[in-house]
Amino acid sequence: MATKKAAGSTSLGRDSAGRRLGVKITDGEWAKAGAIIIRQRGSKYYPGLNVKKGKDDTLFALKSGFVKFTTKKLKKFDGSLKITKIVNVVTKEATLKKTVAKVKKAKKNTKSNSLKK
């Protein structure tokens, strides 16, 4: 005679493994070309500059650079506004051009201020 009662089988009790979705490279981090930035189902985040969307909605970098997240209000088909999250990859050349332009502008302002005196 058995000391324990036999356990019956159940049709439930199965679960799939997690899909490891989410943000892989955060804002301000360096991303190599081809690096996965976000794994997602559906379009929670949209691709921006130097970013492309894969067939499974994964966002990946086209060029090496710094990851930048921005938000933008876009008009939907019914006329309502939707705040969308856009992922960009800003290359080193673009950041250098911006800093050079800022320095030139600052120098120009200091020259014009000194001439006014």
PDB file of N, CA and C in Angstrom:
ATOM      1  N   MET A   1       0.834  -1.187   0.000  1.00  0.00           N
ATOM      2  CA  MET A   1       0.000   0.000   0.000  1.00  0.00           C
ATOM      3  C   MET A   1       0.883   1.257   0.000  1.00  0.00           C
ATOM      4  N   ALA A   2       0.525   2.240  -0.786  1.00  0.00           N
ATOM      5  CA  ALA A   2       1.315   3.461  -0.890  1.00  0.00           C
ATOM      6  C   ALA A   2       1.151   4.324   0.361  1.00  0.00           C
ATOM      7  N   THR A   3       2.240   5.022   0.728  1.00  0.00           N
ATOM      8  CA  THR A   3       2.173   5.894   1.907  1.00  0.00           C
ATOM      9  C   THR A   3       1.622   7.264   1.551  1.00  0.00           C
ATOM     10  N   LYS A   4       1.696   7.616   0.272  1.00  0.00           N
ATOM     11  CA  LYS A   4       1.144   8.905  -0.182  1.00  0.00           C
ATOM     12  C   LYS A   4       0.142   8.666  -1.280  1.00  0.00           C
ATOM     13  N   LYS A   5      -0.838   9.561  -1.334  1.00  0.00           N
ATOM     14  CA  LYS A   5      -1.834   9.476  -2.387  1.00  0.00           C
ATOM     15  C   LYS A   5      -1.210   9.962  -3.701  1.00  0.00           C
ATOM     16  N   ALA A   6      -1.486   9.306  -4.781  1.00  0.00           N
ATOM     17  CA  ALA A   6      -0.919   9.687  -6.074  1.00  0.00           C
ATOM     18  C   ALA A   6      -1.456  11.050  -6.501  1.00  0.00           C
ATOM     19  N   ALA A   7      -0.564  11.909  -7.020  1.00  0.00           N
ATOM     20  CA  ALA A   7      -0.957  13.250  -7.477  1.00  0.00           C
ATOM     21  C   ALA A   7      -1.498  13.158  -8.894  1.00  0.00           C
ATOM     22  N   GLY A   8      -2.591  13.790  -9.137  1.00  0.00           N
ATOM     23  CA  GLY A   8      -3.177  13.788 -10.471  1.00  0.00           C
ATOM     24  C   GLY A   8      -2.472  14.776 -11.382  1.00  0.00           C
ATOM     25  N   SER A   9      -2.544  14.574 -12.678  1.00  0.00           N
ATOM     26  CA  SER A   9      -1.925  15.506 -13.626  1.00  0.00           C
ATOM     27  C   SER A   9      -2.857  16.696 -13.846  1.00  0.00           C
ATOM     28  N   THR A  10      -2.271  17.797 -14.278  1.00  0.00           N
ATOM     29  CA  THR A  10      -3.052  19.002 -14.529  1.00  0.00           C
ATOM     30  C   THR A  10      -2.814  19.493 -15.944  1.00  0.00           C
ATOM     31  N   SER A  11      -3.801  20.126 -16.515  1.00  0.00           N
ATOM     32  CA  SER A  11      -3.640  20.663 -17.872  1.00  0.00           C
ATOM     33  C   SER A  11      -2.996  22.049 -17.836  1.00  0.00           C
ATOM     34  N   LEU A  12      -2.940  22.678 -16.659  1.00  0.00           N
ATOM     35  CA  LEU A  12      -2.306  23.994 -16.511  1.00  0.00           C
ATOM     36  C   LEU A  12      -0.860  23.814 -16.057  1.00  0.00           C
ATOM     37  N   GLY A  13      -0.250  24.885 -15.589  1.00  0.00           N
ATOM     38  CA  GLY A  13       1.087  24.766 -15.010  1.00  0.00           C
ATOM     39  C   GLY A  13       2.226  24.950 -15.989  1.00  0.00           C
ATOM     40  N   ARG A  14       1.956  25.386 -17.204  1.00  0.00           N
ATOM     41  CA  ARG A  14       3.029  25.628 -18.172  1.00  0.00           C
ATOM     42  C   ARG A  14       3.218  27.132 -18.325  1.00  0.00           C
ATOM     43  N   ASP A  15       4.448  27.535 -18.488  1.00  0.00           N
ATOM     44  CA  ASP A  15       4.739  28.956 -18.699  1.00  0.00           C
ATOM     45  C   ASP A  15       5.947  29.073 -19.617  1.00  0.00           C
ATOM     46  N   SER A  16       5.943  30.074 -20.479  1.00  0.00           N
ATOM     47  CA  SER A  16       7.068  30.267 -21.382  1.00  0.00           C
ATOM     48  C   SER A  16       8.129  31.134 -20.711  1.00  0.00           C
ATOM     49  N   ALA A  17       9.337  31.030 -21.211  1.00  0.00           N
ATOM     50  CA  ALA A  17      10.439  31.836 -20.684  1.00  0.00           C
ATOM     51  C   ALA A  17      10.241  33.290 -21.078  1.00  0.00           C
ATOM     52  N   GLY A  18      10.770  34.215 -20.289  1.00  0.00           N
ATOM     53  CA  GLY A  18      10.682  35.641 -20.592  1.00  0.00           C
ATOM     54  C   GLY A  18      11.399  35.984 -21.877  1.00  0.00           C
ATOM     55  N   ARG A  19      10.926  36.999 -22.573  1.00  0.00           N
ATOM     56  CA  ARG A  19      11.477  37.349 -23.889  1.00  0.00           C
ATOM     57  C   ARG A  19      12.602  38.366 -23.830  1.00  0.00           C
ATOM     58  N   ARG A  20      12.984  38.834 -22.642  1.00  0.00           N
ATOM     59  CA  ARG A  20      14.107  39.784 -22.453  1.00  0.00           C
ATOM     60  C   ARG A  20      13.920  41.053 -23.280  1.00  0.00           C
ATOM     61  N   LEU A  21      12.725  41.647 -23.157  1.00  0.00           N
ATOM     62  CA  LEU A  21      12.420  42.876 -23.884  1.00  0.00           C
ATOM     63  C   LEU A  21      12.857  44.084 -23.062  1.00  0.00           C
ATOM     64  N   GLY A  22      12.925  45.241 -23.702  1.00  0.00           N
ATOM     65  CA  GLY A  22      13.193  46.483 -22.996  1.00  0.00           C
ATOM     66  C   GLY A  22      14.338  47.266 -23.594  1.00  0.00           C
ATOM     67  N   VAL A  23      14.724  48.332 -22.889  1.00  0.00           N
ATOM     68  CA  VAL A  23      15.802  49.214 -23.333  1.00  0.00           C
ATOM     69  C   VAL A  23      17.133  48.548 -23.021  1.00  0.00           C
ATOM     70  N   LYS A  24      17.979  48.402 -24.023  1.00  0.00           N
ATOM     71  CA  LYS A  24      19.294  47.772 -23.856  1.00  0.00           C
ATOM     72  C   LYS A  24      20.406  48.813 -23.723  1.00  0.00           C
ATOM     73  N   ILE A  25      20.265  49.946 -24.420  1.00  0.00           N
ATOM     74  CA  ILE A  25      21.246  51.037 -24.327  1.00  0.00           C
ATOM     75  C   ILE A  25      20.473  52.296 -23.960  1.00  0.00           C
ATOM     76  N   THR A  26      20.823  52.914 -22.837  1.00  0.00           N
ATOM     77  CA  THR A  26      20.065  54.053 -22.327  1.00  0.00           C
ATOM     78  C   THR A  26      20.563  55.374 -22.909  1.00  0.00           C
ATOM     79  N   ASP A  27      19.868  56.450 -22.559  1.00  0.00           N
ATOM     80  CA  ASP A  27      20.161  57.798 -23.048  1.00  0.00           C
ATOM     81  C   ASP A  27      21.569  58.227 -22.633  1.00  0.00           C
ATOM     82  N   GLY A  28      22.343  58.716 -23.604  1.00  0.00           N
ATOM     83  CA  GLY A  28      23.692  59.204 -23.326  1.00  0.00           C
ATOM     84  C   GLY A  28      24.776  58.158 -23.461  1.00  0.00           C
ATOM     85  N   GLU A  29      24.423  56.904 -23.631  1.00  0.00           N
ATOM     86  CA  GLU A  29      25.411  55.844 -23.782  1.00  0.00           C
ATOM     87  C   GLU A  29      25.851  55.731 -25.232  1.00  0.00           C
ATOM     88  N   TRP A  30      27.066  55.210 -25.441  1.00  0.00           N
ATOM     89  CA  TRP A  30      27.626  55.016 -26.776  1.00  0.00           C
ATOM     90  C   TRP A  30      27.066  53.737 -27.385  1.00  0.00           C
ATOM     91  N   ALA A  31      26.641  53.797 -28.636  1.00  0.00           N
ATOM     92  CA  ALA A  31      26.124  52.623 -29.348  1.00  0.00           C
ATOM     93  C   ALA A  31      26.948  52.412 -30.606  1.00  0.00           C
ATOM     94  N   LYS A  32      27.420  51.195 -30.801  1.00  0.00           N
ATOM     95  CA  LYS A  32      28.136  50.855 -32.029  1.00  0.00           C
ATOM     96  C   LYS A  32      27.123  50.654 -33.150  1.00  0.00           C
ATOM     97  N   ALA A  33      27.583  50.734 -34.382  1.00  0.00           N
ATOM     98  CA  ALA A  33      26.705  50.499 -35.532  1.00  0.00           C
ATOM     99  C   ALA A  33      26.195  49.064 -35.486  1.00  0.00           C
ATOM    100  N   GLY A  34      24.873  48.892 -35.603  1.00  0.00           N
ATOM    101  CA  GLY A  34      24.263  47.578 -35.569  1.00  0.00           C
ATOM    102  C   GLY A  34      23.846  47.124 -34.178  1.00  0.00           C
ATOM    103  N   ALA A  35      24.181  47.909 -33.146  1.00  0.00           N
ATOM    104  CA  ALA A  35      23.837  47.534 -31.774  1.00  0.00           C
ATOM    105  C   ALA A  35      22.337  47.671 -31.537  1.00  0.00           C
ATOM    106  N   ILE A  36      21.771  46.724 -30.796  1.00  0.00           N
ATOM    107  CA  ILE A  36      20.350  46.777 -30.459  1.00  0.00           C
ATOM    108  C   ILE A  36      20.156  47.790 -29.344  1.00  0.00           C
ATOM    109  N   ILE A  37      19.278  48.754 -29.575  1.00  0.00           N
ATOM    110  CA  ILE A  37      18.990  49.793 -28.583  1.00  0.00           C
ATOM    111  C   ILE A  37      17.779  49.385 -27.754  1.00  0.00           C
ATOM    112  N   ILE A  38      16.701  48.940 -28.424  1.00  0.00           N
ATOM    113  CA  ILE A  38      15.471  48.546 -27.733  1.00  0.00           C
ATOM    114  C   ILE A  38      14.892  47.292 -28.383  1.00  0.00           C
ATOM    115  N   ARG A  39      14.498  46.317 -27.525  1.00  0.00           N
ATOM    116  CA  ARG A  39      13.733  45.165 -28.001  1.00  0.00           C
ATOM    117  C   ARG A  39      12.314  45.377 -27.503  1.00  0.00           C
ATOM    118  N   GLN A  40      11.347  45.335 -28.414  1.00  0.00           N
ATOM    119  CA  GLN A  40       9.957  45.646 -28.057  1.00  0.00           C
ATOM    120  C   GLN A  40       8.985  44.842 -28.908  1.00  0.00           C
ATOM    121  N   ARG A  41       7.758  44.785 -28.439  1.00  0.00           N
ATOM    122  CA  ARG A  41       6.654  44.214 -29.209  1.00  0.00           C
ATOM    123  C   ARG A  41       5.709  45.363 -29.508  1.00  0.00           C
ATOM    124  N   GLY A  42       5.487  45.650 -30.766  1.00  0.00           N
ATOM    125  CA  GLY A  42       4.702  46.822 -31.134  1.00  0.00           C
ATOM    126  C   GLY A  42       5.616  48.035 -31.192  1.00  0.00           C
ATOM    127  N   SER A  43       5.039  49.200 -31.389  1.00  0.00           N
ATOM    128  CA  SER A  43       5.836  50.416 -31.546  1.00  0.00           C
ATOM    129  C   SER A  43       5.643  51.357 -30.365  1.00  0.00           C
ATOM    130  N   LYS A  44       6.258  51.031 -29.225  1.00  0.00           N
ATOM    131  CA  LYS A  44       6.234  51.931 -28.077  1.00  0.00           C
ATOM    132  C   LYS A  44       7.228  53.064 -28.325  1.00  0.00           C
ATOM    133  N   TYR A  45       8.380  52.730 -28.905  1.00  0.00           N
ATOM    134  CA  TYR A  45       9.404  53.699 -29.286  1.00  0.00           C
ATOM    135  C   TYR A  45       9.516  53.697 -30.804  1.00  0.00           C
ATOM    136  N   TYR A  46       9.777  54.878 -31.382  1.00  0.00           N
ATOM    137  CA  TYR A  46       9.879  55.007 -32.836  1.00  0.00           C
ATOM    138  C   TYR A  46      11.309  55.350 -33.231  1.00  0.00           C
ATOM    139  N   PRO A  47      11.773  54.898 -34.409  1.00  0.00           N
ATOM    140  CA  PRO A  47      13.128  55.206 -34.841  1.00  0.00           C
ATOM    141  C   PRO A  47      13.259  56.653 -35.308  1.00  0.00           C
ATOM    142  N   GLY A  48      14.391  57.252 -35.001  1.00  0.00           N
ATOM    143  CA  GLY A  48      14.680  58.621 -35.424  1.00  0.00           C
ATOM    144  C   GLY A  48      15.929  58.640 -36.290  1.00  0.00           C
ATOM    145  N   LEU A  49      16.810  59.586 -36.012  1.00  0.00           N
ATOM    146  CA  LEU A  49      18.036  59.785 -36.777  1.00  0.00           C
ATOM    147  C   LEU A  49      19.010  58.627 -36.538  1.00  0.00           C
ATOM    148  N   ASN A  50      19.504  58.012 -37.601  1.00  0.00           N
ATOM    149  CA  ASN A  50      20.485  56.923 -37.568  1.00  0.00           C
ATOM    150  C   ASN A  50      19.993  55.683 -36.815  1.00  0.00           C
ATOM    151  N   VAL A  51      18.684  55.476 -36.772  1.00  0.00           N
ATOM    152  CA  VAL A  51      18.091  54.304 -36.117  1.00  0.00           C
ATOM    153  C   VAL A  51      17.100  53.674 -37.089  1.00  0.00           C
ATOM    154  N   LYS A  52      17.074  52.348 -37.121  1.00  0.00           N
ATOM    155  CA  LYS A  52      16.149  51.646 -37.994  1.00  0.00           C
ATOM    156  C   LYS A  52      15.382  50.604 -37.184  1.00  0.00           C
ATOM    157  N   LYS A  53      14.182  50.243 -37.685  1.00  0.00           N
ATOM    158  CA  LYS A  53      13.324  49.280 -37.003  1.00  0.00           C
ATOM    159  C   LYS A  53      13.382  47.945 -37.725  1.00  0.00           C
ATOM    160  N   GLY A  54      13.645  46.863 -36.987  1.00  0.00           N
ATOM    161  CA  GLY A  54      13.689  45.517 -37.546  1.00  0.00           C
ATOM    162  C   GLY A  54      12.294  44.947 -37.710  1.00  0.00           C
ATOM    163  N   LYS A  55      12.213  43.752 -38.288  1.00  0.00           N
ATOM    164  CA  LYS A  55      10.900  43.150 -38.555  1.00  0.00           C
ATOM    165  C   LYS A  55      10.153  42.755 -37.288  1.00  0.00           C
ATOM    166  N   ASP A  56      10.873  42.567 -36.175  1.00  0.00           N
ATOM    167  CA  ASP A  56      10.219  42.259 -34.903  1.00  0.00           C
ATOM    168  C   ASP A  56      10.131  43.501 -34.014  1.00  0.00           C
ATOM    169  N   ASP A  57      10.150  44.692 -34.615  1.00  0.00           N
ATOM    170  CA  ASP A  57      10.032  46.003 -33.966  1.00  0.00           C
ATOM    171  C   ASP A  57      11.247  46.372 -33.126  1.00  0.00           C
ATOM    172  N   THR A  58      12.352  45.653 -33.256  1.00  0.00           N
ATOM    173  CA  THR A  58      13.585  45.990 -32.546  1.00  0.00           C
ATOM    174  C   THR A  58      14.202  47.231 -33.168  1.00  0.00           C
ATOM    175  N   LEU A  59      14.660  48.170 -32.343  1.00  0.00           N
ATOM    176  CA  LEU A  59      15.345  49.369 -32.833  1.00  0.00           C
ATOM    177  C   LEU A  59      16.847  49.156 -32.715  1.00  0.00           C
ATOM    178  N   PHE A  60      17.576  49.434 -33.806  1.00  0.00           N
ATOM    179  CA  PHE A  60      19.028  49.261 -33.795  1.00  0.00           C
ATOM    180  C   PHE A  60      19.708  50.447 -34.456  1.00  0.00           C
ATOM    181  N   ALA A  61      20.977  50.650 -34.108  1.00  0.00           N
ATOM    182  CA  ALA A  61      21.752  51.797 -34.587  1.00  0.00           C
ATOM    183  C   ALA A  61      22.298  51.520 -35.984  1.00  0.00           C
ATOM    184  N   LEU A  62      22.185  52.517 -36.868  1.00  0.00           N
ATOM    185  CA  LEU A  62      22.773  52.417 -38.200  1.00  0.00           C
ATOM    186  C   LEU A  62      24.218  52.903 -38.206  1.00  0.00           C
ATOM    187  N   LYS A  63      24.521  53.881 -37.352  1.00  0.00           N
ATOM    188  CA  LYS A  63      25.869  54.432 -37.226  1.00  0.00           C
ATOM    189  C   LYS A  63      26.261  54.447 -35.757  1.00  0.00           C
ATOM    190  N   SER A  64      27.559  54.487 -35.498  1.00  0.00           N
ATOM    191  CA  SER A  64      28.039  54.594 -34.120  1.00  0.00           C
ATOM    192  C   SER A  64      27.813  56.008 -33.615  1.00  0.00           C
ATOM    193  N   GLY A  65      27.419  56.124 -32.347  1.00  0.00           N
ATOM    194  CA  GLY A  65      27.184  57.442 -31.763  1.00  0.00           C
ATOM    195  C   GLY A  65      26.506  57.335 -30.415  1.00  0.00           C
ATOM    196  N   PHE A  66      26.118  58.481 -29.871  1.00  0.00           N
ATOM    197  CA  PHE A  66      25.454  58.534 -28.581  1.00  0.00           C
ATOM    198  C   PHE A  66      23.941  58.410 -28.768  1.00  0.00           C
ATOM    199  N   VAL A  67      23.299  57.621 -27.910  1.00  0.00           N
ATOM    200  CA  VAL A  67      21.849  57.421 -27.964  1.00  0.00           C
ATOM    201  C   VAL A  67      21.167  58.616 -27.313  1.00  0.00           C
ATOM    202  N   LYS A  68      20.142  59.140 -27.975  1.00  0.00           N
ATOM    203  CA  LYS A  68      19.393  60.289 -27.465  1.00  0.00           C
ATOM    204  C   LYS A  68      17.897  59.992 -27.597  1.00  0.00           C
ATOM    205  N   PHE A  69      17.180  60.043 -26.466  1.00  0.00           N
ATOM    206  CA  PHE A  69      15.738  59.848 -26.461  1.00  0.00           C
ATOM    207  C   PHE A  69      15.046  61.204 -26.478  1.00  0.00           C
ATOM    208  N   THR A  70      14.059  61.365 -27.343  1.00  0.00           N
ATOM    209  CA  THR A  70      13.283  62.604 -27.401  1.00  0.00           C
ATOM    210  C   THR A  70      11.794  62.259 -27.452  1.00  0.00           C
ATOM    211  N   THR A  71      10.974  63.240 -27.119  1.00  0.00           N
ATOM    212  CA  THR A  71       9.526  63.064 -27.257  1.00  0.00           C
ATOM    213  C   THR A  71       9.005  64.094 -28.239  1.00  0.00           C
ATOM    214  N   LYS A  72       7.961  63.717 -28.958  1.00  0.00           N
ATOM    215  CA  LYS A  72       7.394  64.590 -29.971  1.00  0.00           C
ATOM    216  C   LYS A  72       5.889  64.363 -30.009  1.00  0.00           C
ATOM    217  N   LYS A  73       5.131  65.436 -30.185  1.00  0.00           N
ATOM    218  CA  LYS A  73       3.684  65.311 -30.326  1.00  0.00           C
ATOM    219  C   LYS A  73       3.353  65.133 -31.802  1.00  0.00           C
ATOM    220  N   LEU A  74       2.737  64.009 -32.112  1.00  0.00           N
ATOM    221  CA  LEU A  74       2.342  63.732 -33.494  1.00  0.00           C
ATOM    222  C   LEU A  74       0.826  63.648 -33.586  1.00  0.00           C
ATOM    223  N   LYS A  75       0.287  64.107 -34.704  1.00  0.00           N
ATOM    224  CA  LYS A  75      -1.154  64.067 -34.929  1.00  0.00           C
ATOM    225  C   LYS A  75      -1.553  62.693 -35.438  1.00  0.00           C
ATOM    226  N   LYS A  76      -2.553  62.101 -34.810  1.00  0.00           N
ATOM    227  CA  LYS A  76      -3.077  60.820 -35.254  1.00  0.00           C
ATOM    228  C   LYS A  76      -4.095  61.053 -36.366  1.00  0.00           C
ATOM    229  N   PHE A  77      -4.618  59.979 -36.952  1.00  0.00           N
ATOM    230  CA  PHE A  77      -5.550  60.090 -38.071  1.00  0.00           C
ATOM    231  C   PHE A  77      -6.860  60.762 -37.681  1.00  0.00           C
ATOM    232  N   ASP A  78      -7.262  60.611 -36.413  1.00  0.00           N
ATOM    233  CA  ASP A  78      -8.513  61.234 -35.967  1.00  0.00           C
ATOM    234  C   ASP A  78      -8.320  62.688 -35.523  1.00  0.00           C
ATOM    235  N   GLY A  79      -7.101  63.213 -35.650  1.00  0.00           N
ATOM    236  CA  GLY A  79      -6.829  64.606 -35.307  1.00  0.00           C
ATOM    237  C   GLY A  79      -6.322  64.816 -33.894  1.00  0.00           C
ATOM    238  N   SER A  80      -6.367  63.773 -33.050  1.00  0.00           N
ATOM    239  CA  SER A  80      -5.874  63.924 -31.679  1.00  0.00           C
ATOM    240  C   SER A  80      -4.351  63.844 -31.654  1.00  0.00           C
ATOM    241  N   LEU A  81      -3.751  64.439 -30.622  1.00  0.00           N
ATOM    242  CA  LEU A  81      -2.304  64.441 -30.486  1.00  0.00           C
ATOM    243  C   LEU A  81      -1.861  63.254 -29.638  1.00  0.00           C
ATOM    244  N   LYS A  82      -0.735  62.669 -30.026  1.00  0.00           N
ATOM    245  CA  LYS A  82      -0.161  61.552 -29.286  1.00  0.00           C
ATOM    246  C   LYS A  82       1.303  61.872 -29.016  1.00  0.00           C
ATOM    247  N   ILE A  83       1.723  61.726 -27.769  1.00  0.00           N
ATOM    248  CA  ILE A  83       3.138  61.945 -27.433  1.00  0.00           C
ATOM    249  C   ILE A  83       3.887  60.662 -27.769  1.00  0.00           C
ATOM    250  N   THR A  84       4.848  60.753 -28.696  1.00  0.00           N
ATOM    251  CA  THR A  84       5.618  59.584 -29.109  1.00  0.00           C
ATOM    252  C   THR A  84       7.051  59.720 -28.639  1.00  0.00           C
ATOM    253  N   LYS A  85       7.650  58.588 -28.293  1.00  0.00           N
ATOM    254  CA  LYS A  85       9.045  58.543 -27.868  1.00  0.00           C
ATOM    255  C   LYS A  85       9.887  58.163 -29.069  1.00  0.00           C
ATOM    256  N   ILE A  86      10.876  58.981 -29.382  1.00  0.00           N
ATOM    257  CA  ILE A  86      11.719  58.768 -30.557  1.00  0.00           C
ATOM    258  C   ILE A  86      13.154  58.536 -30.097  1.00  0.00           C
ATOM    259  N   VAL A  87      13.803  57.537 -30.704  1.00  0.00           N
ATOM    260  CA  VAL A  87      15.180  57.190 -30.364  1.00  0.00           C
ATOM    261  C   VAL A  87      16.091  57.627 -31.507  1.00  0.00           C
ATOM    262  N   ASN A  88      17.130  58.415 -31.173  1.00  0.00           N
ATOM    263  CA  ASN A  88      18.097  58.898 -32.152  1.00  0.00           C
ATOM    264  C   ASN A  88      19.489  58.434 -31.758  1.00  0.00           C
ATOM    265  N   VAL A  89      20.379  58.332 -32.744  1.00  0.00           N
ATOM    266  CA  VAL A  89      21.798  58.102 -32.482  1.00  0.00           C
ATOM    267  C   VAL A  89      22.536  59.290 -33.083  1.00  0.00           C
ATOM    268  N   VAL A  90      23.150  60.085 -32.203  1.00  0.00           N
ATOM    269  CA  VAL A  90      23.868  61.284 -32.628  1.00  0.00           C
ATOM    270  C   VAL A  90      25.338  60.914 -32.794  1.00  0.00           C
ATOM    271  N   THR A  91      25.865  61.078 -34.012  1.00  0.00           N
ATOM    272  CA  THR A  91      27.249  60.709 -34.290  1.00  0.00           C
ATOM    273  C   THR A  91      28.215  61.718 -33.704  1.00  0.00           C
ATOM    274  N   LYS A  92      29.475  61.306 -33.592  1.00  0.00           N
ATOM    275  CA  LYS A  92      30.519  62.174 -33.036  1.00  0.00           C
ATOM    276  C   LYS A  92      30.695  63.430 -33.900  1.00  0.00           C
ATOM    277  N   GLU A  93      30.612  63.265 -35.221  1.00  0.00           N
ATOM    278  CA  GLU A  93      30.792  64.397 -36.132  1.00  0.00           C
ATOM    279  C   GLU A  93      29.713  65.453 -35.898  1.00  0.00           C
ATOM    280  N   ALA A  94      28.480  65.003 -35.670  1.00  0.00           N
ATOM    281  CA  ALA A  94      27.373  65.934 -35.442  1.00  0.00           C
ATOM    282  C   ALA A  94      27.572  66.702 -34.144  1.00  0.00           C
ATOM    283  N   THR A  95      28.048  66.022 -33.089  1.00  0.00           N
ATOM    284  CA  THR A  95      28.275  66.707 -31.813  1.00  0.00           C
ATOM    285  C   THR A  95      29.431  67.684 -31.929  1.00  0.00           C
ATOM    286  N   LEU A  96      30.463  67.318 -32.708  1.00  0.00           N
ATOM    287  CA  LEU A  96      31.591  68.234 -32.912  1.00  0.00           C
ATOM    288  C   LEU A  96      31.158  69.475 -33.679  1.00  0.00           C
ATOM    289  N   LYS A  97      30.321  69.287 -34.709  1.00  0.00           N
ATOM    290  CA  LYS A  97      29.832  70.432 -35.486  1.00  0.00           C
ATOM    291  C   LYS A  97      29.029  71.380 -34.606  1.00  0.00           C
ATOM    292  N   LYS A  98      28.196  70.822 -33.710  1.00  0.00           N
ATOM    293  CA  LYS A  98      27.397  71.659 -32.817  1.00  0.00           C
ATOM    294  C   LYS A  98      28.278  72.464 -31.869  1.00  0.00           C
ATOM    295  N   THR A  99      29.298  71.804 -31.287  1.00  0.00           N
ATOM    296  CA  THR A  99      30.161  72.504 -30.330  1.00  0.00           C
ATOM    297  C   THR A  99      30.988  73.580 -31.031  1.00  0.00           C
ATOM    298  N   VAL A 100      31.466  73.292 -32.237  1.00  0.00           N
ATOM    299  CA  VAL A 100      32.229  74.294 -33.005  1.00  0.00           C
ATOM    300  C   VAL A 100      31.339  75.486 -33.326  1.00  0.00           C
ATOM    301  N   ALA A 101      30.095  75.228 -33.717  1.00  0.00           N
ATOM    302  CA  ALA A 101      29.157  76.308 -34.029  1.00  0.00           C
ATOM    303  C   ALA A 101      28.879  77.153 -32.787  1.00  0.00           C
ATOM    304  N   LYS A 102      28.741  76.511 -31.623  1.00  0.00           N
ATOM    305  CA  LYS A 102      28.504  77.245 -30.375  1.00  0.00           C
ATOM    306  C   LYS A 102      29.695  78.117 -30.022  1.00  0.00           C
ATOM    307  N   VAL A 103      30.904  77.587 -30.195  1.00  0.00           N
ATOM    308  CA  VAL A 103      32.127  78.343 -29.891  1.00  0.00           C
ATOM    309  C   VAL A 103      32.244  79.546 -30.819  1.00  0.00           C
ATOM    310  N   LYS A 104      31.974  79.349 -32.111  1.00  0.00           N
ATOM    311  CA  LYS A 104      32.038  80.454 -33.080  1.00  0.00           C
ATOM    312  C   LYS A 104      31.020  81.530 -32.737  1.00  0.00           C
ATOM    313  N   LYS A 105      29.824  81.103 -32.345  1.00  0.00           N
ATOM    314  CA  LYS A 105      28.773  82.052 -31.988  1.00  0.00           C
ATOM    315  C   LYS A 105      29.167  82.838 -30.739  1.00  0.00           C
ATOM    316  N   ALA A 106      29.763  82.148 -29.769  1.00  0.00           N
ATOM    317  CA  ALA A 106      30.190  82.816 -28.542  1.00  0.00           C
ATOM    318  C   ALA A 106      31.291  83.826 -28.830  1.00  0.00           C
ATOM    319  N   LYS A 107      32.254  83.467 -29.687  1.00  0.00           N
ATOM    320  CA  LYS A 107      33.329  84.383 -30.059  1.00  0.00           C
ATOM    321  C   LYS A 107      32.768  85.606 -30.784  1.00  0.00           C
ATOM    322  N   LYS A 108      31.807  85.375 -31.670  1.00  0.00           N
ATOM    323  CA  LYS A 108      31.193  86.461 -32.426  1.00  0.00           C
ATOM    324  C   LYS A 108      30.472  87.429 -31.486  1.00  0.00           C
ATOM    325  N   ASN A 109      29.756  86.867 -30.484  1.00  0.00           N
ATOM    326  CA  ASN A 109      29.051  87.712 -29.513  1.00  0.00           C
ATOM    327  C   ASN A 109      30.017  88.530 -28.671  1.00  0.00           C
ATOM    328  N   THR A 110      31.139  87.943 -28.284  1.00  0.00           N
ATOM    329  CA  THR A 110      32.106  88.699 -27.464  1.00  0.00           C
ATOM    330  C   THR A 110      32.764  89.799 -28.287  1.00  0.00           C
ATOM    331  N   LYS A 111      33.036  89.553 -29.573  1.00  0.00           N
ATOM    332  CA  LYS A 111      33.595  90.583 -30.438  1.00  0.00           C
ATOM    333  C   LYS A 111      32.629  91.738 -30.626  1.00  0.00           C
ATOM    334  N   SER A 112      31.356  91.425 -30.872  1.00  0.00           N
ATOM    335  CA  SER A 112      30.355  92.471 -31.090  1.00  0.00           C
ATOM    336  C   SER A 112      30.111  93.265 -29.812  1.00  0.00           C
ATOM    337  N   ASN A 113      30.181  92.613 -28.657  1.00  0.00           N
ATOM    338  CA  ASN A 113      30.032  93.312 -27.385  1.00  0.00           C
ATOM    339  C   ASN A 113      31.197  94.267 -27.120  1.00  0.00           C
ATOM    340  N   SER A 114      32.416  93.842 -27.493  1.00  0.00           N
ATOM    341  CA  SER A 114      33.580  94.697 -27.273  1.00  0.00           C
ATOM    342  C   SER A 114      33.572  95.902 -28.223  1.00  0.00           C
ATOM    343  N   LEU A 115      33.008  95.749 -29.429  1.00  0.00           N
ATOM    344  CA  LEU A 115      32.926  96.855 -30.376  1.00  0.00           C
ATOM    345  C   LEU A 115      31.915  97.901 -29.938  1.00  0.00           C
ATOM    346  N   LYS A 116      30.841  97.462 -29.247  1.00  0.00           N
ATOM    347  CA  LYS A 116      29.812  98.396 -28.797  1.00  0.00           C
ATOM    348  C   LYS A 116      30.313  99.321 -27.716  1.00  0.00           C
ATOM    349  N   LYS A 117      31.282  98.867 -26.916  1.00  0.00           N
ATOM    350  CA  LYS A 117      31.809  99.691 -25.827  1.00  0.00           C
ATOM    351  C   LYS A 117      32.640 100.766 -26.364  1.00  0.00           C
TER     352      LYS A 117
END
